Amino acid sequence: DSAKGRFTASRDNARNTVYLQMNSLKP
C-alpha cells in the first residue's frame, strides 16, 4: 500500500534484469 501509485516494478528478460522505479519519494 505504501508503494502503490509511486513505485513500479518492471522487467527486461533479455537482460535478466528487474527494475523498481520509485517516484515521489518521501523521507
mmCIF file of all heavy atoms, coordinates in Angstrom:
data_MODEL
# 
_entry.id   MODEL 
# 
loop_
_atom_site.group_PDB 
_atom_site.id 
_atom_site.type_symbol 
_atom_site.label_atom_id 
_atom_site.label_alt_id 
_atom_site.label_comp_id 
_atom_site.label_asym_id 
_atom_site.label_entity_id 
_atom_site.label_seq_id 
_atom_site.pdbx_PDB_ins_code 
_atom_site.Cartn_x 
_atom_site.Cartn_y 
_atom_site.Cartn_z 
_atom_site.occupancy 
_atom_site.B_iso_or_equiv 
_atom_site.pdbx_formal_charge 
_atom_site.auth_seq_id 
_atom_site.auth_comp_id 
_atom_site.auth_asym_id 
_atom_site.auth_atom_id 
_atom_site.pdbx_PDB_model_num 
ATOM 1   N N   . ASP A 1 1  ? 0.825  -1.207  0.000   1.00 0.00 ? 1  ASP A N   1 
ATOM 2   C CA  . ASP A 1 1  ? 0.000  0.000   0.000   1.00 0.00 ? 1  ASP A CA  1 
ATOM 3   C C   . ASP A 1 1  ? 0.860  1.259   0.000   1.00 0.00 ? 1  ASP A C   1 
ATOM 4   O O   . ASP A 1 1  ? 0.522  2.257   -0.636  1.00 0.00 ? 1  ASP A O   1 
ATOM 5   C CB  . ASP A 1 1  ? -0.927 0.001   1.225   1.00 0.00 ? 1  ASP A CB  1 
ATOM 6   C CG  . ASP A 1 1  ? -2.042 -1.018  1.098   1.00 0.00 ? 1  ASP A CG  1 
ATOM 7   O OD1 . ASP A 1 1  ? -2.306 -1.494  -0.027  1.00 0.00 ? 1  ASP A OD1 1 
ATOM 8   O OD2 . ASP A 1 1  ? -2.645 -1.359  2.137   1.00 0.00 ? 1  ASP A OD2 1 
ATOM 9   N N   . SER A 1 2  ? 1.990  1.195   0.701   1.00 0.00 ? 2  SER A N   1 
ATOM 10  C CA  . SER A 1 2  ? 2.872  2.361   0.783   1.00 0.00 ? 2  SER A CA  1 
ATOM 11  C C   . SER A 1 2  ? 3.538  2.675   -0.554  1.00 0.00 ? 2  SER A C   1 
ATOM 12  O O   . SER A 1 2  ? 4.050  3.779   -0.747  1.00 0.00 ? 2  SER A O   1 
ATOM 13  C CB  . SER A 1 2  ? 3.952  2.129   1.845   1.00 0.00 ? 2  SER A CB  1 
ATOM 14  O OG  . SER A 1 2  ? 4.726  0.981   1.514   1.00 0.00 ? 2  SER A OG  1 
ATOM 15  N N   . ALA A 1 3  ? 3.542  1.706   -1.466  1.00 0.00 ? 3  ALA A N   1 
ATOM 16  C CA  . ALA A 1 3  ? 4.213  1.872   -2.750  1.00 0.00 ? 3  ALA A CA  1 
ATOM 17  C C   . ALA A 1 3  ? 3.253  2.115   -3.909  1.00 0.00 ? 3  ALA A C   1 
ATOM 18  O O   . ALA A 1 3  ? 3.667  2.615   -4.963  1.00 0.00 ? 3  ALA A O   1 
ATOM 19  C CB  . ALA A 1 3  ? 5.059  0.639   -3.056  1.00 0.00 ? 3  ALA A CB  1 
ATOM 20  N N   . LYS A 1 4  ? 2.004  1.787   -3.720  1.00 0.00 ? 4  LYS A N   1 
ATOM 21  C CA  . LYS A 1 4  ? 1.039  1.906   -4.811  1.00 0.00 ? 4  LYS A CA  1 
ATOM 22  C C   . LYS A 1 4  ? 0.925  3.339   -5.297  1.00 0.00 ? 4  LYS A C   1 
ATOM 23  O O   . LYS A 1 4  ? 0.823  4.273   -4.506  1.00 0.00 ? 4  LYS A O   1 
ATOM 24  C CB  . LYS A 1 4  ? -0.325 1.384   -4.354  1.00 0.00 ? 4  LYS A CB  1 
ATOM 25  C CG  . LYS A 1 4  ? -0.393 -0.121  -4.235  1.00 0.00 ? 4  LYS A CG  1 
ATOM 26  C CD  . LYS A 1 4  ? -1.759 -0.579  -3.743  1.00 0.00 ? 4  LYS A CD  1 
ATOM 27  C CE  . LYS A 1 4  ? -1.784 -2.099  -3.602  1.00 0.00 ? 4  LYS A CE  1 
ATOM 28  N NZ  . LYS A 1 4  ? -3.070 -2.588  -3.052  1.00 0.00 ? 4  LYS A NZ  1 
ATOM 29  N N   . GLY A 1 5  ? 0.966  3.477   -6.610  1.00 0.00 ? 5  GLY A N   1 
ATOM 30  C CA  . GLY A 1 5  ? 0.870  4.802   -7.212  1.00 0.00 ? 5  GLY A CA  1 
ATOM 31  C C   . GLY A 1 5  ? 2.193  5.541   -7.292  1.00 0.00 ? 5  GLY A C   1 
ATOM 32  O O   . GLY A 1 5  ? 2.280  6.585   -7.948  1.00 0.00 ? 5  GLY A O   1 
ATOM 33  N N   . ARG A 1 6  ? 3.223  5.031   -6.624  1.00 0.00 ? 6  ARG A N   1 
ATOM 34  C CA  . ARG A 1 6  ? 4.535  5.685   -6.638  1.00 0.00 ? 6  ARG A CA  1 
ATOM 35  C C   . ARG A 1 6  ? 5.635  4.784   -7.171  1.00 0.00 ? 6  ARG A C   1 
ATOM 36  O O   . ARG A 1 6  ? 6.532  5.250   -7.882  1.00 0.00 ? 6  ARG A O   1 
ATOM 37  C CB  . ARG A 1 6  ? 4.912  6.154   -5.233  1.00 0.00 ? 6  ARG A CB  1 
ATOM 38  C CG  . ARG A 1 6  ? 3.949  7.139   -4.622  1.00 0.00 ? 6  ARG A CG  1 
ATOM 39  C CD  . ARG A 1 6  ? 4.504  7.729   -3.317  1.00 0.00 ? 6  ARG A CD  1 
ATOM 40  N NE  . ARG A 1 6  ? 4.780  6.696   -2.325  1.00 0.00 ? 6  ARG A NE  1 
ATOM 41  C CZ  . ARG A 1 6  ? 5.949  6.572   -1.688  1.00 0.00 ? 6  ARG A CZ  1 
ATOM 42  N NH1 . ARG A 1 6  ? 6.938  7.400   -1.941  1.00 0.00 ? 6  ARG A NH1 1 
ATOM 43  N NH2 . ARG A 1 6  ? 6.112  5.619   -0.782  1.00 0.00 ? 6  ARG A NH2 1 
ATOM 44  N N   . PHE A 1 7  ? 5.606  3.498   -6.830  1.00 0.00 ? 7  PHE A N   1 
ATOM 45  C CA  . PHE A 1 7  ? 6.656  2.564   -7.221  1.00 0.00 ? 7  PHE A CA  1 
ATOM 46  C C   . PHE A 1 7  ? 6.112  1.579   -8.250  1.00 0.00 ? 7  PHE A C   1 
ATOM 47  O O   . PHE A 1 7  ? 4.985  1.100   -8.128  1.00 0.00 ? 7  PHE A O   1 
ATOM 48  C CB  . PHE A 1 7  ? 7.156  1.762   -6.012  1.00 0.00 ? 7  PHE A CB  1 
ATOM 49  C CG  . PHE A 1 7  ? 7.841  2.579   -4.950  1.00 0.00 ? 7  PHE A CG  1 
ATOM 50  C CD1 . PHE A 1 7  ? 7.981  3.945   -5.047  1.00 0.00 ? 7  PHE A CD1 1 
ATOM 51  C CD2 . PHE A 1 7  ? 8.347  1.947   -3.820  1.00 0.00 ? 7  PHE A CD2 1 
ATOM 52  C CE1 . PHE A 1 7  ? 8.608  4.678   -4.062  1.00 0.00 ? 7  PHE A CE1 1 
ATOM 53  C CE2 . PHE A 1 7  ? 8.983  2.661   -2.827  1.00 0.00 ? 7  PHE A CE2 1 
ATOM 54  C CZ  . PHE A 1 7  ? 9.114  4.034   -2.944  1.00 0.00 ? 7  PHE A CZ  1 
ATOM 55  N N   . THR A 1 8  ? 6.937  1.265   -9.237  1.00 0.00 ? 8  THR A N   1 
ATOM 56  C CA  . THR A 1 8  ? 6.531  0.330   -10.277 1.00 0.00 ? 8  THR A CA  1 
ATOM 57  C C   . THR A 1 8  ? 7.654  -0.658  -10.549 1.00 0.00 ? 8  THR A C   1 
ATOM 58  O O   . THR A 1 8  ? 8.799  -0.242  -10.813 1.00 0.00 ? 8  THR A O   1 
ATOM 59  C CB  . THR A 1 8  ? 6.194  1.067   -11.586 1.00 0.00 ? 8  THR A CB  1 
ATOM 60  O OG1 . THR A 1 8  ? 5.170  2.026   -11.345 1.00 0.00 ? 8  THR A OG1 1 
ATOM 61  C CG2 . THR A 1 8  ? 5.720  0.076   -12.645 1.00 0.00 ? 8  THR A CG2 1 
ATOM 62  N N   . ALA A 1 9  ? 7.330  -1.940  -10.488 1.00 0.00 ? 9  ALA A N   1 
ATOM 63  C CA  . ALA A 1 9  ? 8.295  -2.980  -10.837 1.00 0.00 ? 9  ALA A CA  1 
ATOM 64  C C   . ALA A 1 9  ? 8.141  -3.343  -12.307 1.00 0.00 ? 9  ALA A C   1 
ATOM 65  O O   . ALA A 1 9  ? 7.018  -3.438  -12.815 1.00 0.00 ? 9  ALA A O   1 
ATOM 66  C CB  . ALA A 1 9  ? 8.090  -4.208  -9.963  1.00 0.00 ? 9  ALA A CB  1 
ATOM 67  N N   . SER A 1 10 ? 9.250  -3.538  -12.975 1.00 0.00 ? 10 SER A N   1 
ATOM 68  C CA  . SER A 1 10 ? 9.232  -3.951  -14.383 1.00 0.00 ? 10 SER A CA  1 
ATOM 69  C C   . SER A 1 10 ? 10.403 -4.890  -14.620 1.00 0.00 ? 10 SER A C   1 
ATOM 70  O O   . SER A 1 10 ? 11.254 -5.073  -13.757 1.00 0.00 ? 10 SER A O   1 
ATOM 71  C CB  . SER A 1 10 ? 9.314  -2.737  -15.305 1.00 0.00 ? 10 SER A CB  1 
ATOM 72  O OG  . SER A 1 10 ? 10.535 -2.048  -15.109 1.00 0.00 ? 10 SER A OG  1 
ATOM 73  N N   . ARG A 1 11 ? 10.427 -5.498  -15.799 1.00 0.00 ? 11 ARG A N   1 
ATOM 74  C CA  . ARG A 1 11 ? 11.492 -6.455  -16.075 1.00 0.00 ? 11 ARG A CA  1 
ATOM 75  C C   . ARG A 1 11 ? 11.959 -6.334  -17.515 1.00 0.00 ? 11 ARG A C   1 
ATOM 76  O O   . ARG A 1 11 ? 11.212 -5.908  -18.386 1.00 0.00 ? 11 ARG A O   1 
ATOM 77  C CB  . ARG A 1 11 ? 11.004 -7.880  -15.807 1.00 0.00 ? 11 ARG A CB  1 
ATOM 78  C CG  . ARG A 1 11 ? 10.041 -8.394  -16.866 1.00 0.00 ? 11 ARG A CG  1 
ATOM 79  C CD  . ARG A 1 11 ? 9.256  -9.593  -16.396 1.00 0.00 ? 11 ARG A CD  1 
ATOM 80  N NE  . ARG A 1 11 ? 8.555  -10.235 -17.491 1.00 0.00 ? 11 ARG A NE  1 
ATOM 81  C CZ  . ARG A 1 11 ? 7.446  -9.772  -18.073 1.00 0.00 ? 11 ARG A CZ  1 
ATOM 82  N NH1 . ARG A 1 11 ? 6.932  -8.640  -17.667 1.00 0.00 ? 11 ARG A NH1 1 
ATOM 83  N NH2 . ARG A 1 11 ? 6.889  -10.431 -19.062 1.00 0.00 ? 11 ARG A NH2 1 
ATOM 84  N N   . ASP A 1 12 ? 13.200 -6.742  -17.739 1.00 0.00 ? 12 ASP A N   1 
ATOM 85  C CA  . ASP A 1 12 ? 13.768 -6.853  -19.080 1.00 0.00 ? 12 ASP A CA  1 
ATOM 86  C C   . ASP A 1 12 ? 14.346 -8.250  -19.166 1.00 0.00 ? 12 ASP A C   1 
ATOM 87  O O   . ASP A 1 12 ? 15.453 -8.513  -18.694 1.00 0.00 ? 12 ASP A O   1 
ATOM 88  C CB  . ASP A 1 12 ? 14.843 -5.782  -19.283 1.00 0.00 ? 12 ASP A CB  1 
ATOM 89  C CG  . ASP A 1 12 ? 15.417 -5.791  -20.689 1.00 0.00 ? 12 ASP A CG  1 
ATOM 90  O OD1 . ASP A 1 12 ? 15.334 -6.833  -21.366 1.00 0.00 ? 12 ASP A OD1 1 
ATOM 91  O OD2 . ASP A 1 12 ? 15.961 -4.761  -21.099 1.00 0.00 ? 12 ASP A OD2 1 
ATOM 92  N N   . ASN A 1 13 ? 13.579 -9.154  -19.747 1.00 0.00 ? 13 ASN A N   1 
ATOM 93  C CA  . ASN A 1 13 ? 14.002 -10.545 -19.790 1.00 0.00 ? 13 ASN A CA  1 
ATOM 94  C C   . ASN A 1 13 ? 15.284 -10.734 -20.587 1.00 0.00 ? 13 ASN A C   1 
ATOM 95  O O   . ASN A 1 13 ? 16.101 -11.599 -20.255 1.00 0.00 ? 13 ASN A O   1 
ATOM 96  C CB  . ASN A 1 13 ? 12.892 -11.401 -20.381 1.00 0.00 ? 13 ASN A CB  1 
ATOM 97  C CG  . ASN A 1 13 ? 11.699 -11.515 -19.457 1.00 0.00 ? 13 ASN A CG  1 
ATOM 98  O OD1 . ASN A 1 13 ? 11.776 -11.168 -18.285 1.00 0.00 ? 13 ASN A OD1 1 
ATOM 99  N ND2 . ASN A 1 13 ? 10.588 -11.995 -19.979 1.00 0.00 ? 13 ASN A ND2 1 
ATOM 100 N N   . ALA A 1 14 ? 15.472 -9.946  -21.610 1.00 0.00 ? 14 ALA A N   1 
ATOM 101 C CA  . ALA A 1 14 ? 16.678 -10.088 -22.434 1.00 0.00 ? 14 ALA A CA  1 
ATOM 102 C C   . ALA A 1 14 ? 17.935 -9.787  -21.628 1.00 0.00 ? 14 ALA A C   1 
ATOM 103 O O   . ALA A 1 14 ? 18.993 -10.370 -21.867 1.00 0.00 ? 14 ALA A O   1 
ATOM 104 C CB  . ALA A 1 14 ? 16.584 -9.170  -23.637 1.00 0.00 ? 14 ALA A CB  1 
ATOM 105 N N   . ARG A 1 15 ? 17.799 -8.886  -20.680 1.00 0.00 ? 15 ARG A N   1 
ATOM 106 C CA  . ARG A 1 15 ? 18.940 -8.512  -19.833 1.00 0.00 ? 15 ARG A CA  1 
ATOM 107 C C   . ARG A 1 15 ? 18.925 -9.233  -18.494 1.00 0.00 ? 15 ARG A C   1 
ATOM 108 O O   . ARG A 1 15 ? 19.797 -8.996  -17.666 1.00 0.00 ? 15 ARG A O   1 
ATOM 109 C CB  . ARG A 1 15 ? 18.950 -7.003  -19.595 1.00 0.00 ? 15 ARG A CB  1 
ATOM 110 C CG  . ARG A 1 15 ? 19.315 -6.181  -20.825 1.00 0.00 ? 15 ARG A CG  1 
ATOM 111 C CD  . ARG A 1 15 ? 19.447 -4.701  -20.472 1.00 0.00 ? 15 ARG A CD  1 
ATOM 112 N NE  . ARG A 1 15 ? 20.066 -3.931  -21.537 1.00 0.00 ? 15 ARG A NE  1 
ATOM 113 C CZ  . ARG A 1 15 ? 19.418 -3.425  -22.558 1.00 0.00 ? 15 ARG A CZ  1 
ATOM 114 N NH1 . ARG A 1 15 ? 18.128 -3.614  -22.676 1.00 0.00 ? 15 ARG A NH1 1 
ATOM 115 N NH2 . ARG A 1 15 ? 20.066 -2.737  -23.478 1.00 0.00 ? 15 ARG A NH2 1 
ATOM 116 N N   . ASN A 1 16 ? 17.922 -10.081 -18.259 1.00 0.00 ? 16 ASN A N   1 
ATOM 117 C CA  . ASN A 1 16 ? 17.801 -10.778 -16.976 1.00 0.00 ? 16 ASN A CA  1 
ATOM 118 C C   . ASN A 1 16 ? 17.829 -9.784  -15.814 1.00 0.00 ? 16 ASN A C   1 
ATOM 119 O O   . ASN A 1 16 ? 18.483 -9.995  -14.787 1.00 0.00 ? 16 ASN A O   1 
ATOM 120 C CB  . ASN A 1 16 ? 18.916 -11.800 -16.803 1.00 0.00 ? 16 ASN A CB  1 
ATOM 121 C CG  . ASN A 1 16 ? 18.384 -13.217 -16.656 1.00 0.00 ? 16 ASN A CG  1 
ATOM 122 O OD1 . ASN A 1 16 ? 17.246 -13.501 -17.012 1.00 0.00 ? 16 ASN A OD1 1 
ATOM 123 N ND2 . ASN A 1 16 ? 19.202 -14.106 -16.136 1.00 0.00 ? 16 ASN A ND2 1 
ATOM 124 N N   . THR A 1 17 ? 17.112 -8.689  -15.993 1.00 0.00 ? 17 THR A N   1 
ATOM 125 C CA  . THR A 1 17 ? 17.148 -7.598  -15.028 1.00 0.00 ? 17 THR A CA  1 
ATOM 126 C C   . THR A 1 17 ? 15.726 -7.165  -14.682 1.00 0.00 ? 17 THR A C   1 
ATOM 127 O O   . THR A 1 17 ? 14.855 -7.088  -15.554 1.00 0.00 ? 17 THR A O   1 
ATOM 128 C CB  . THR A 1 17 ? 17.930 -6.399  -15.585 1.00 0.00 ? 17 THR A CB  1 
ATOM 129 O OG1 . THR A 1 17 ? 19.269 -6.814  -15.871 1.00 0.00 ? 17 THR A OG1 1 
ATOM 130 C CG2 . THR A 1 17 ? 17.976 -5.257  -14.578 1.00 0.00 ? 17 THR A CG2 1 
ATOM 131 N N   . VAL A 1 18 ? 15.526 -6.897  -13.406 1.00 0.00 ? 18 VAL A N   1 
ATOM 132 C CA  . VAL A 1 18 ? 14.261 -6.358  -12.910 1.00 0.00 ? 18 VAL A CA  1 
ATOM 133 C C   . VAL A 1 18 ? 14.531 -4.972  -12.351 1.00 0.00 ? 18 VAL A C   1 
ATOM 134 O O   . VAL A 1 18 ? 15.602 -4.716  -11.781 1.00 0.00 ? 18 VAL A O   1 
ATOM 135 C CB  . VAL A 1 18 ? 13.670 -7.279  -11.824 1.00 0.00 ? 18 VAL A CB  1 
ATOM 136 C CG1 . VAL A 1 18 ? 12.526 -6.611  -11.102 1.00 0.00 ? 18 VAL A CG1 1 
ATOM 137 C CG2 . VAL A 1 18 ? 13.205 -8.589  -12.459 1.00 0.00 ? 18 VAL A CG2 1 
ATOM 138 N N   . TYR A 1 19 ? 13.568 -4.078  -12.520 1.00 0.00 ? 19 TYR A N   1 
ATOM 139 C CA  . TYR A 1 19 ? 13.721 -2.694  -12.081 1.00 0.00 ? 19 TYR A CA  1 
ATOM 140 C C   . TYR A 1 19 ? 12.651 -2.330  -11.074 1.00 0.00 ? 19 TYR A C   1 
ATOM 141 O O   . TYR A 1 19 ? 11.559 -2.908  -11.057 1.00 0.00 ? 19 TYR A O   1 
ATOM 142 C CB  . TYR A 1 19 ? 13.623 -1.747  -13.280 1.00 0.00 ? 19 TYR A CB  1 
ATOM 143 C CG  . TYR A 1 19 ? 14.607 -2.052  -14.381 1.00 0.00 ? 19 TYR A CG  1 
ATOM 144 C CD1 . TYR A 1 19 ? 14.218 -2.790  -15.495 1.00 0.00 ? 19 TYR A CD1 1 
ATOM 145 C CD2 . TYR A 1 19 ? 15.921 -1.603  -14.312 1.00 0.00 ? 19 TYR A CD2 1 
ATOM 146 C CE1 . TYR A 1 19 ? 15.118 -3.087  -16.509 1.00 0.00 ? 19 TYR A CE1 1 
ATOM 147 C CE2 . TYR A 1 19 ? 16.825 -1.889  -15.319 1.00 0.00 ? 19 TYR A CE2 1 
ATOM 148 C CZ  . TYR A 1 19 ? 16.419 -2.632  -16.420 1.00 0.00 ? 19 TYR A CZ  1 
ATOM 149 O OH  . TYR A 1 19 ? 17.311 -2.915  -17.413 1.00 0.00 ? 19 TYR A OH  1 
ATOM 150 N N   . LEU A 1 20 ? 12.962 -1.357  -10.250 1.00 0.00 ? 20 LEU A N   1 
ATOM 151 C CA  . LEU A 1 20 ? 11.971 -0.740  -9.375  1.00 0.00 ? 20 LEU A CA  1 
ATOM 152 C C   . LEU A 1 20 ? 12.074 0.767   -9.582  1.00 0.00 ? 20 LEU A C   1 
ATOM 153 O O   . LEU A 1 20 ? 13.047 1.397   -9.157  1.00 0.00 ? 20 LEU A O   1 
ATOM 154 C CB  . LEU A 1 20 ? 12.210 -1.088  -7.902  1.00 0.00 ? 20 LEU A CB  1 
ATOM 155 C CG  . LEU A 1 20 ? 11.184 -0.517  -6.934  1.00 0.00 ? 20 LEU A CG  1 
ATOM 156 C CD1 . LEU A 1 20 ? 9.815  -1.182  -7.168  1.00 0.00 ? 20 LEU A CD1 1 
ATOM 157 C CD2 . LEU A 1 20 ? 11.620 -0.708  -5.483  1.00 0.00 ? 20 LEU A CD2 1 
ATOM 158 N N   . GLN A 1 21 ? 11.098 1.310   -10.280 1.00 0.00 ? 21 GLN A N   1 
ATOM 159 C CA  . GLN A 1 21 ? 11.032 2.753   -10.496 1.00 0.00 ? 21 GLN A CA  1 
ATOM 160 C C   . GLN A 1 21 ? 10.321 3.375   -9.309  1.00 0.00 ? 21 GLN A C   1 
ATOM 161 O O   . GLN A 1 21 ? 9.179  3.007   -9.001  1.00 0.00 ? 21 GLN A O   1 
ATOM 162 C CB  . GLN A 1 21 ? 10.278 3.075   -11.794 1.00 0.00 ? 21 GLN A CB  1 
ATOM 163 C CG  . GLN A 1 21 ? 10.115 4.553   -12.061 1.00 0.00 ? 21 GLN A CG  1 
ATOM 164 C CD  . GLN A 1 21 ? 11.433 5.248   -12.349 1.00 0.00 ? 21 GLN A CD  1 
ATOM 165 O OE1 . GLN A 1 21 ? 12.275 4.713   -13.080 1.00 0.00 ? 21 GLN A OE1 1 
ATOM 166 N NE2 . GLN A 1 21 ? 11.613 6.428   -11.767 1.00 0.00 ? 21 GLN A NE2 1 
ATOM 167 N N   . MET A 1 22 ? 10.988 4.291   -8.645  1.00 0.00 ? 22 MET A N   1 
ATOM 168 C CA  . MET A 1 22 ? 10.434 4.914   -7.451  1.00 0.00 ? 22 MET A CA  1 
ATOM 169 C C   . MET A 1 22 ? 10.280 6.410   -7.700  1.00 0.00 ? 22 MET A C   1 
ATOM 170 O O   . MET A 1 22 ? 11.272 7.110   -7.942  1.00 0.00 ? 22 MET A O   1 
ATOM 171 C CB  . MET A 1 22 ? 11.355 4.665   -6.251  1.00 0.00 ? 22 MET A CB  1 
ATOM 172 C CG  . MET A 1 22 ? 11.618 3.192   -5.989  1.00 0.00 ? 22 MET A CG  1 
ATOM 173 S SD  . MET A 1 22 ? 12.526 2.887   -4.457  1.00 0.00 ? 22 MET A SD  1 
ATOM 174 C CE  . MET A 1 22 ? 14.069 3.717   -4.824  1.00 0.00 ? 22 MET A CE  1 
ATOM 175 N N   . ASN A 1 23 ? 9.049  6.880   -7.648  1.00 0.00 ? 23 ASN A N   1 
ATOM 176 C CA  . ASN A 1 23 ? 8.741  8.292   -7.858  1.00 0.00 ? 23 ASN A CA  1 
ATOM 177 C C   . ASN A 1 23 ? 8.146  8.889   -6.595  1.00 0.00 ? 23 ASN A C   1 
ATOM 178 O O   . ASN A 1 23 ? 7.715  8.170   -5.695  1.00 0.00 ? 23 ASN A O   1 
ATOM 179 C CB  . ASN A 1 23 ? 7.754  8.452   -9.015  1.00 0.00 ? 23 ASN A CB  1 
ATOM 180 C CG  . ASN A 1 23 ? 8.297  7.920   -10.333 1.00 0.00 ? 23 ASN A CG  1 
ATOM 181 O OD1 . ASN A 1 23 ? 9.495  8.004   -10.610 1.00 0.00 ? 23 ASN A OD1 1 
ATOM 182 N ND2 . ASN A 1 23 ? 7.414  7.374   -11.158 1.00 0.00 ? 23 ASN A ND2 1 
ATOM 183 N N   . SER A 1 24 ? 8.125  10.195  -6.548  1.00 0.00 ? 24 SER A N   1 
ATOM 184 C CA  . SER A 1 24 ? 7.539  10.919  -5.402  1.00 0.00 ? 24 SER A CA  1 
ATOM 185 C C   . SER A 1 24 ? 8.082  10.377  -4.080  1.00 0.00 ? 24 SER A C   1 
ATOM 186 O O   . SER A 1 24 ? 7.322  10.094  -3.156  1.00 0.00 ? 24 SER A O   1 
ATOM 187 C CB  . SER A 1 24 ? 6.003  10.805  -5.432  1.00 0.00 ? 24 SER A CB  1 
ATOM 188 O OG  . SER A 1 24 ? 5.489  11.316  -6.640  1.00 0.00 ? 24 SER A OG  1 
ATOM 189 N N   . LEU A 1 25 ? 9.370  10.252  -4.008  1.00 0.00 ? 25 LEU A N   1 
ATOM 190 C CA  . LEU A 1 25 ? 9.996  9.650   -2.829  1.00 0.00 ? 25 LEU A CA  1 
ATOM 191 C C   . LEU A 1 25 ? 9.791  10.524  -1.597  1.00 0.00 ? 25 LEU A C   1 
ATOM 192 O O   . LEU A 1 25 ? 9.763  11.762  -1.683  1.00 0.00 ? 25 LEU A O   1 
ATOM 193 C CB  . LEU A 1 25 ? 11.478 9.420   -3.085  1.00 0.00 ? 25 LEU A CB  1 
ATOM 194 C CG  . LEU A 1 25 ? 11.770 8.186   -3.966  1.00 0.00 ? 25 LEU A CG  1 
ATOM 195 C CD1 . LEU A 1 25 ? 13.169 8.261   -4.555  1.00 0.00 ? 25 LEU A CD1 1 
ATOM 196 C CD2 . LEU A 1 25 ? 11.587 6.915   -3.154  1.00 0.00 ? 25 LEU A CD2 1 
ATOM 197 N N   . LYS A 1 26 ? 9.675  9.845   -0.464  1.00 0.00 ? 26 LYS A N   1 
ATOM 198 C CA  . LYS A 1 26 ? 9.459  10.506  0.823   1.00 0.00 ? 26 LYS A CA  1 
ATOM 199 C C   . LYS A 1 26 ? 10.592 10.124  1.776   1.00 0.00 ? 26 LYS A C   1 
ATOM 200 O O   . LYS A 1 26 ? 11.210 9.058   1.605   1.00 0.00 ? 26 LYS A O   1 
ATOM 201 C CB  . LYS A 1 26 ? 8.125  10.050  1.419   1.00 0.00 ? 26 LYS A CB  1 
ATOM 202 C CG  . LYS A 1 26 ? 6.930  10.241  0.508   1.00 0.00 ? 26 LYS A CG  1 
ATOM 203 C CD  . LYS A 1 26 ? 5.675  9.629   1.127   1.00 0.00 ? 26 LYS A CD  1 
ATOM 204 C CE  . LYS A 1 26 ? 4.485  9.766   0.206   1.00 0.00 ? 26 LYS A CE  1 
ATOM 205 N NZ  . LYS A 1 26 ? 3.260  9.138   0.802   1.00 0.00 ? 26 LYS A NZ  1 
ATOM 206 N N   . PRO A 1 27 ? 10.839 10.931  2.786   1.00 0.00 ? 27 PRO A N   1 
ATOM 207 C CA  . PRO A 1 27 ? 11.886 10.577  3.755   1.00 0.00 ? 27 PRO A CA  1 
ATOM 208 C C   . PRO A 1 27 ? 11.656 9.198   4.379   1.00 0.00 ? 27 PRO A C   1 
ATOM 209 O O   . PRO A 1 27 ? 12.631 8.487   4.670   1.00 0.00 ? 27 PRO A O   1 
ATOM 210 C CB  . PRO A 1 27 ? 11.792 11.696  4.794   1.00 0.00 ? 27 PRO A CB  1 
ATOM 211 C CG  . PRO A 1 27 ? 11.295 12.867  4.015   1.00 0.00 ? 27 PRO A CG  1 
ATOM 212 C CD  . PRO A 1 27 ? 10.327 12.292  3.015   1.00 0.00 ? 27 PRO A CD  1 
# 
